[in-house]
C-alpha cells in the first residue's frame, strides 16, 4: 500500500512495459572484447547473430507455415503488380 501511495504513477506506467533507454552502458561482451583484444564483439558473445540477423543456433527467424498463419489469424497478401 505504501509503495502504491508513493509510486503508484510509476507502477501503473510499468504495466505498459519498460520505458525506452539510451543503451549507452558498457556490457560484459564489450568489456571482454576489449580485454581479449578482438575487433568484433561477435567473437566473445555466447550466441552471436550473423550479419544478416540470423541466429545460427536456432535458425531464427524461420518462415512460418500455412498452418501457423491460419492459427494466428494474421496473413499478409502482397498486391499483384500491374504492368502496362
C-alpha atoms as a PDB file:
ATOM      1  CA  UNK A   1       0.000   0.000   0.000  1.00  0.00           C
ATOM      2  CA  UNK A   2       2.824   2.393   0.863  1.00  0.00           C
ATOM      3  CA  UNK A   3       4.574   1.712  -2.449  1.00  0.00           C
ATOM      4  CA  UNK A   4       1.324   2.291  -4.335  1.00  0.00           C
ATOM      5  CA  UNK A   5       0.768   5.572  -2.478  1.00  0.00           C
ATOM      6  CA  UNK A   6       4.278   6.846  -3.180  1.00  0.00           C
ATOM      7  CA  UNK A   7       4.987   5.345  -6.589  1.00  0.00           C
ATOM      8  CA  UNK A   8       1.588   4.400  -7.969  1.00  0.00           C
ATOM      9  CA  UNK A   9       2.070   6.505 -11.091  1.00  0.00           C
ATOM     10  CA  UNK A  10       5.297   4.656 -11.890  1.00  0.00           C
ATOM     11  CA  UNK A  11       3.946   1.207 -11.077  1.00  0.00           C
ATOM     12  CA  UNK A  12       0.930   1.885 -13.286  1.00  0.00           C
ATOM     13  CA  UNK A  13       3.199   3.023 -16.117  1.00  0.00           C
ATOM     14  CA  UNK A  14       5.239  -0.193 -15.894  1.00  0.00           C
ATOM     15  CA  UNK A  15       2.113  -2.203 -16.694  1.00  0.00           C
ATOM     16  CA  UNK A  16       2.664  -0.980 -20.271  1.00  0.00           C
ATOM     17  CA  UNK A  17       6.298  -2.122 -20.303  1.00  0.00           C
ATOM     18  CA  UNK A  18       9.670  -0.644 -19.513  1.00  0.00           C
ATOM     19  CA  UNK A  19      10.442   2.792 -20.950  1.00  0.00           C
ATOM     20  CA  UNK A  20      12.971   3.094 -23.777  1.00  0.00           C
ATOM     21  CA  UNK A  21      16.507   3.911 -22.772  1.00  0.00           C
ATOM     22  CA  UNK A  22      19.653   5.143 -24.450  1.00  0.00           C
ATOM     23  CA  UNK A  23      21.559   1.901 -24.122  1.00  0.00           C
ATOM     24  CA  UNK A  24      24.888   3.632 -23.533  1.00  0.00           C
ATOM     25  CA  UNK A  25      26.182   1.341 -20.787  1.00  0.00           C
ATOM     26  CA  UNK A  26      29.098  -0.980 -21.481  1.00  0.00           C
ATOM     27  CA  UNK A  27      28.034  -4.616 -21.373  1.00  0.00           C
ATOM     28  CA  UNK A  28      30.122  -7.603 -20.375  1.00  0.00           C
ATOM     29  CA  UNK A  29      30.503  -8.579 -24.017  1.00  0.00           C
ATOM     30  CA  UNK A  30      32.201  -5.273 -24.853  1.00  0.00           C
ATOM     31  CA  UNK A  31      34.440  -5.381 -21.790  1.00  0.00           C
ATOM     32  CA  UNK A  32      35.513  -8.952 -22.603  1.00  0.00           C
ATOM     33  CA  UNK A  33      36.121  -7.951 -26.236  1.00  0.00           C
ATOM     34  CA  UNK A  34      38.359  -5.099 -25.084  1.00  0.00           C
ATOM     35  CA  UNK A  35      40.255  -7.368 -22.698  1.00  0.00           C
ATOM     36  CA  UNK A  36      40.623 -10.094 -25.345  1.00  0.00           C
ATOM     37  CA  UNK A  37      41.739  -7.582 -27.964  1.00  0.00           C
ATOM     38  CA  UNK A  38      39.290  -8.779 -30.622  1.00  0.00           C
ATOM     39  CA  UNK A  39      37.979  -6.498 -33.350  1.00  0.00           C
ATOM     40  CA  UNK A  40      34.334  -7.532 -33.043  1.00  0.00           C
ATOM     41  CA  UNK A  41      32.207  -8.452 -30.045  1.00  0.00           C
ATOM     42  CA  UNK A  42      30.817 -11.352 -32.099  1.00  0.00           C
ATOM     43  CA  UNK A  43      33.979 -13.211 -31.175  1.00  0.00           C
ATOM     44  CA  UNK A  44      33.085 -13.176 -27.490  1.00  0.00           C
ATOM     45  CA  UNK A  45      29.269 -13.273 -27.499  1.00  0.00           C
ATOM     46  CA  UNK A  46      27.894 -16.655 -26.439  1.00  0.00           C
ATOM     47  CA  UNK A  47      25.089 -16.687 -29.022  1.00  0.00           C
ATOM     48  CA  UNK A  48      26.004 -14.215 -31.784  1.00  0.00           C
ATOM     49  CA  UNK A  49      23.747 -13.293 -34.679  1.00  0.00           C
ATOM     50  CA  UNK A  50      25.108 -13.322 -38.191  1.00  0.00           C
ATOM     51  CA  UNK A  51      25.484 -10.169 -40.251  1.00  0.00           C
ATOM     52  CA  UNK A  52      22.023 -10.782 -41.683  1.00  0.00           C
ATOM     53  CA  UNK A  53      20.408 -11.104 -38.243  1.00  0.00           C
ATOM     54  CA  UNK A  54      20.087 -14.901 -38.379  1.00  0.00           C
ATOM     55  CA  UNK A  55      20.628 -16.912 -35.203  1.00  0.00           C
ATOM     56  CA  UNK A  56      22.761 -19.931 -36.182  1.00  0.00           C
ATOM     57  CA  UNK A  57      21.762 -21.846 -33.044  1.00  0.00           C
ATOM     58  CA  UNK A  58      18.002 -21.773 -33.617  1.00  0.00           C
ATOM     59  CA  UNK A  59      17.984 -20.800 -37.316  1.00  0.00           C
ATOM     60  CA  UNK A  60      15.677 -17.901 -36.428  1.00  0.00           C
ATOM     61  CA  UNK A  61      13.936 -16.122 -37.973  1.00  0.00           C
ATOM     62  CA  UNK A  62      12.314 -19.043 -39.754  1.00  0.00           C
ATOM     63  CA  UNK A  63       9.452 -18.783 -42.224  1.00  0.00           C
ATOM     64  CA  UNK A  64       6.068 -19.638 -40.775  1.00  0.00           C
ATOM     65  CA  UNK A  65       3.886 -22.388 -42.146  1.00  0.00           C
ATOM     66  CA  UNK A  66       0.420 -22.020 -43.636  1.00  0.00           C
ATOM     67  CA  UNK A  67      -0.980 -23.726 -40.522  1.00  0.00           C
ATOM     68  CA  UNK A  68       0.711 -21.154 -38.249  1.00  0.00           C
ATOM     69  CA  UNK A  69      -0.714 -18.321 -40.370  1.00  0.00           C
ATOM     70  CA  UNK A  70      -4.182 -19.854 -40.104  1.00  0.00           C
ATOM     71  CA  UNK A  71      -3.908 -20.267 -36.315  1.00  0.00           C
ATOM     72  CA  UNK A  72      -2.745 -16.678 -35.811  1.00  0.00           C
ATOM     73  CA  UNK A  73      -5.483 -15.190 -37.966  1.00  0.00           C
ATOM     74  CA  UNK A  74      -2.936 -12.850 -39.500  1.00  0.00           C
ATOM     75  CA  UNK A  75      -1.748 -13.041 -43.066  1.00  0.00           C
ATOM     76  CA  UNK A  76      -0.093 -10.644 -45.453  1.00  0.00           C
ATOM     77  CA  UNK A  77      -1.086 -10.965 -49.069  1.00  0.00           C
ATOM     78  CA  UNK A  78       1.102  -8.842 -51.335  1.00  0.00           C
ATOM     79  CA  UNK A  79      -0.696  -6.886 -54.020  1.00  0.00           C
ATOM     80  CA  UNK A  80      -0.120  -8.002 -57.574  1.00  0.00           C
ATOM     81  CA  UNK A  81       1.884  -5.533 -59.626  1.00  0.00           C
ATOM     82  CA  UNK A  82       0.055  -4.236 -62.646  1.00  0.00           C
ATOM     83  CA  UNK A  83       2.296  -3.793 -65.656  1.00  0.00           C
ATOM     84  CA  UNK A  84       1.166  -1.856 -68.664  1.00  0.00           C
END
